[in-house]
Amino acid sequence: MKKVFALLAVSALLLTGCGEKEMSASSDNLPTVTTNQGEAPTIGAPAGSPPTTLVTKDIIVGSGAEALPTSTMTVHYTLMTWSNGQLIESSWNGGSPATFPLANVIVGWQQGIPGMKVGGRRLLVIPPDLGYGAQGGGPIGPNETLIFVVDAIGVA
């Protein structure tokens, strides 16, 4: 868990890309995500070509505090790569959520998390220019589209 978020923090400093945010997914090839609140999500393998802009889709709409760009988030997350549907990491496996300021993570999270409410589950499909870009990082290859499923537990 710490590895991905360390990479996210470093990438946020290295990347300056920006992109448009799609508020709802219109593509039929997005991965499916289970709605089992309070449990690790199951993510279906993506199909076809990945989106070229940030896609956010609320799987469960929360009713708690709303995330702002300046918020510190406590979340459970699962990360999968689009190219091969491989599960890279999940905070659910370690049993404890991650806490971090949104300002310290990749641009895709900085743009895709604000507006999310505690108790919610959100799918983020992040194109390479808002993630790790051409250089990749750790287990994430160059120009990889990232699939995150994020459960908001707390906002400060």
Protein backbone atom coordinates (compact mmCIF):
# COMPACT_ATOMS: atom_id res chain seq x y z
CA MET A 1 0.00 0.00 0.00
CA LYS A 2 2.74 2.45 0.92
CA LYS A 3 4.57 1.75 -2.35
CA VAL A 4 1.72 2.88 -4.60
CA PHE A 5 0.99 5.98 -2.56
CA ALA A 6 4.67 6.88 -2.44
CA LEU A 7 4.68 6.56 -6.22
CA LEU A 8 1.48 8.58 -6.44
CA ALA A 9 3.05 11.35 -4.35
CA VAL A 10 6.22 11.43 -6.44
CA SER A 11 4.23 11.33 -9.66
CA ALA A 12 2.11 14.26 -8.57
CA LEU A 13 5.27 16.29 -8.30
CA LEU A 14 6.61 15.11 -11.66
CA LEU A 15 3.47 15.29 -13.75
CA THR A 16 1.75 18.47 -14.76
CA GLY A 17 -0.69 17.02 -17.27
CA CYS A 18 -4.30 17.99 -17.28
CA GLY A 19 -7.34 16.54 -18.92
CA GLU A 20 -11.06 16.78 -19.07
CA LYS A 21 -13.19 15.08 -16.49
CA GLU A 22 -16.09 12.99 -17.70
CA MET A 23 -18.71 12.97 -14.96
CA SER A 24 -20.45 9.88 -16.20
CA ALA A 25 -19.16 6.98 -18.17
CA SER A 26 -20.78 6.65 -21.55
CA SER A 27 -18.54 3.84 -22.71
CA ASP A 28 -19.78 0.25 -22.64
CA ASN A 29 -16.27 -1.08 -22.19
CA LEU A 30 -15.67 0.17 -18.65
CA PRO A 31 -14.96 -2.48 -16.05
CA THR A 32 -17.82 -3.58 -13.82
CA VAL A 33 -17.53 -2.95 -10.08
CA THR A 34 -19.46 -4.62 -7.28
CA THR A 35 -21.56 -2.62 -4.82
CA ASN A 36 -20.69 -4.63 -1.70
CA GLN A 37 -20.21 -1.66 0.63
CA GLY A 38 -17.74 -2.27 3.44
CA GLU A 39 -16.03 -5.10 1.53
CA ALA A 40 -13.31 -5.20 -1.10
CA PRO A 41 -14.75 -4.62 -4.57
CA THR A 42 -14.58 -7.11 -7.38
CA ILE A 43 -13.56 -5.45 -10.64
CA GLY A 44 -14.36 -6.98 -14.00
CA ALA A 45 -11.67 -6.94 -16.66
CA PRO A 46 -11.83 -3.95 -19.02
CA ALA A 47 -12.55 -4.47 -22.70
CA GLY A 48 -11.48 -2.63 -25.83
CA SER A 49 -9.57 0.61 -26.02
CA PRO A 50 -9.21 2.66 -22.85
CA PRO A 51 -10.75 6.13 -22.56
CA THR A 52 -8.37 8.99 -23.37
CA THR A 53 -9.79 11.34 -20.74
CA LEU A 54 -10.45 10.92 -17.04
CA VAL A 55 -13.61 8.94 -16.32
CA THR A 56 -15.31 9.05 -12.93
CA LYS A 57 -18.33 6.96 -12.09
CA ASP A 58 -19.98 6.73 -8.70
CA ILE A 59 -20.72 3.10 -7.94
CA ILE A 60 -22.14 3.96 -4.51
CA VAL A 61 -23.07 7.58 -3.74
CA GLY A 62 -21.97 8.51 -0.24
CA SER A 63 -23.90 10.73 2.14
CA GLY A 64 -21.07 11.98 4.40
CA ALA A 65 -18.57 14.81 4.16
CA GLU A 66 -17.57 15.86 0.64
CA ALA A 67 -13.99 15.75 -0.59
CA LEU A 68 -12.44 19.04 -1.69
CA PRO A 69 -9.20 19.53 -3.64
CA THR A 70 -7.55 20.52 -0.34
CA SER A 71 -8.89 17.53 1.64
CA THR A 72 -6.93 14.81 3.36
CA MET A 73 -8.61 11.54 2.46
CA THR A 74 -8.87 8.22 4.24
CA VAL A 75 -9.77 5.57 1.69
CA HIS A 76 -9.67 1.96 0.75
CA TYR A 77 -8.57 1.54 -2.86
CA THR A 78 -7.96 -1.13 -5.45
CA LEU A 79 -5.68 -0.57 -8.46
CA MET A 80 -5.87 -2.50 -11.74
CA THR A 81 -4.13 -1.87 -15.07
CA TRP A 82 -6.21 -1.51 -18.22
CA SER A 83 -3.78 -3.25 -20.57
CA ASN A 84 -4.01 -6.65 -18.91
CA GLY A 85 -6.67 -6.38 -16.19
CA GLN A 86 -4.03 -7.19 -13.59
CA LEU A 87 -4.71 -6.29 -9.96
CA ILE A 88 -1.66 -4.28 -8.90
CA GLU A 89 -2.51 -3.41 -5.32
CA SER A 90 -5.35 -3.11 -2.85
CA SER A 91 -5.43 -1.55 0.60
CA TRP A 92 -8.15 -4.10 1.41
CA ASN A 93 -5.48 -6.83 1.37
CA GLY A 94 -3.58 -5.15 4.20
CA GLY A 95 -6.75 -4.53 6.16
CA SER A 96 -6.13 -0.86 6.86
CA PRO A 97 -7.10 2.15 4.75
CA ALA A 98 -4.67 4.75 3.40
CA THR A 99 -4.65 8.40 4.50
CA PHE A 100 -3.11 11.17 2.37
CA PRO A 101 -3.62 14.76 1.21
CA LEU A 102 -5.13 14.93 -2.28
CA ALA A 103 -2.50 17.53 -3.16
CA ASN A 104 0.20 14.80 -2.88
CA VAL A 105 -1.17 12.25 -5.35
CA ILE A 106 -1.38 11.85 -9.11
CA VAL A 107 -3.37 14.37 -11.11
CA GLY A 108 -6.05 11.78 -11.93
CA TRP A 109 -6.89 11.52 -8.22
CA GLN A 110 -6.66 15.30 -7.73
CA GLN A 111 -9.26 15.76 -10.46
CA GLY A 112 -11.33 12.63 -9.88
CA ILE A 113 -11.87 12.54 -6.11
CA PRO A 114 -13.23 16.04 -5.27
CA GLY A 115 -17.00 15.90 -4.91
CA MET A 116 -16.93 12.32 -3.65
CA LYS A 117 -18.65 11.83 -0.29
CA VAL A 118 -17.76 9.61 2.65
CA GLY A 119 -19.53 6.28 2.30
CA GLY A 120 -19.18 6.38 -1.47
CA ARG A 121 -17.39 4.12 -3.92
CA ARG A 122 -16.02 5.66 -7.11
CA LEU A 123 -14.49 4.18 -10.23
CA LEU A 124 -11.64 6.25 -11.67
CA VAL A 125 -10.21 5.40 -15.10
CA ILE A 126 -7.08 7.48 -15.40
CA PRO A 127 -5.28 7.95 -18.72
CA PRO A 128 -1.48 7.89 -18.70
CA ASP A 129 -1.05 11.68 -18.87
CA LEU A 130 -2.91 12.00 -15.54
CA GLY A 131 -1.17 8.98 -13.99
CA TYR A 132 2.41 7.80 -14.42
CA GLY A 133 2.89 8.88 -18.03
CA ALA A 134 5.52 7.60 -20.41
CA GLN A 135 7.95 6.73 -17.62
CA GLY A 136 5.60 4.42 -15.68
CA GLY A 137 6.56 3.62 -12.11
CA GLY A 138 7.21 0.48 -10.09
CA PRO A 139 4.85 -2.27 -11.30
CA ILE A 140 3.03 0.19 -13.59
CA GLY A 141 4.33 0.16 -17.14
CA PRO A 142 4.83 3.15 -19.44
CA ASN A 143 1.68 4.78 -20.85
CA GLU A 144 -0.61 2.61 -18.72
CA THR A 145 -4.25 3.49 -18.15
CA LEU A 146 -5.09 2.98 -14.48
CA ILE A 147 -8.33 1.68 -13.00
CA PHE A 148 -8.91 2.64 -9.37
CA VAL A 149 -11.90 1.79 -7.25
CA VAL A 150 -11.93 4.10 -4.24
CA ASP A 151 -14.07 3.82 -1.12
CA ALA A 152 -14.16 7.10 0.86
CA ILE A 153 -13.93 6.42 4.59
CA GLY A 154 -13.00 9.87 5.89
CA VAL A 155 -12.42 13.45 4.76
CA ALA A 156 -10.52 16.07 6.73
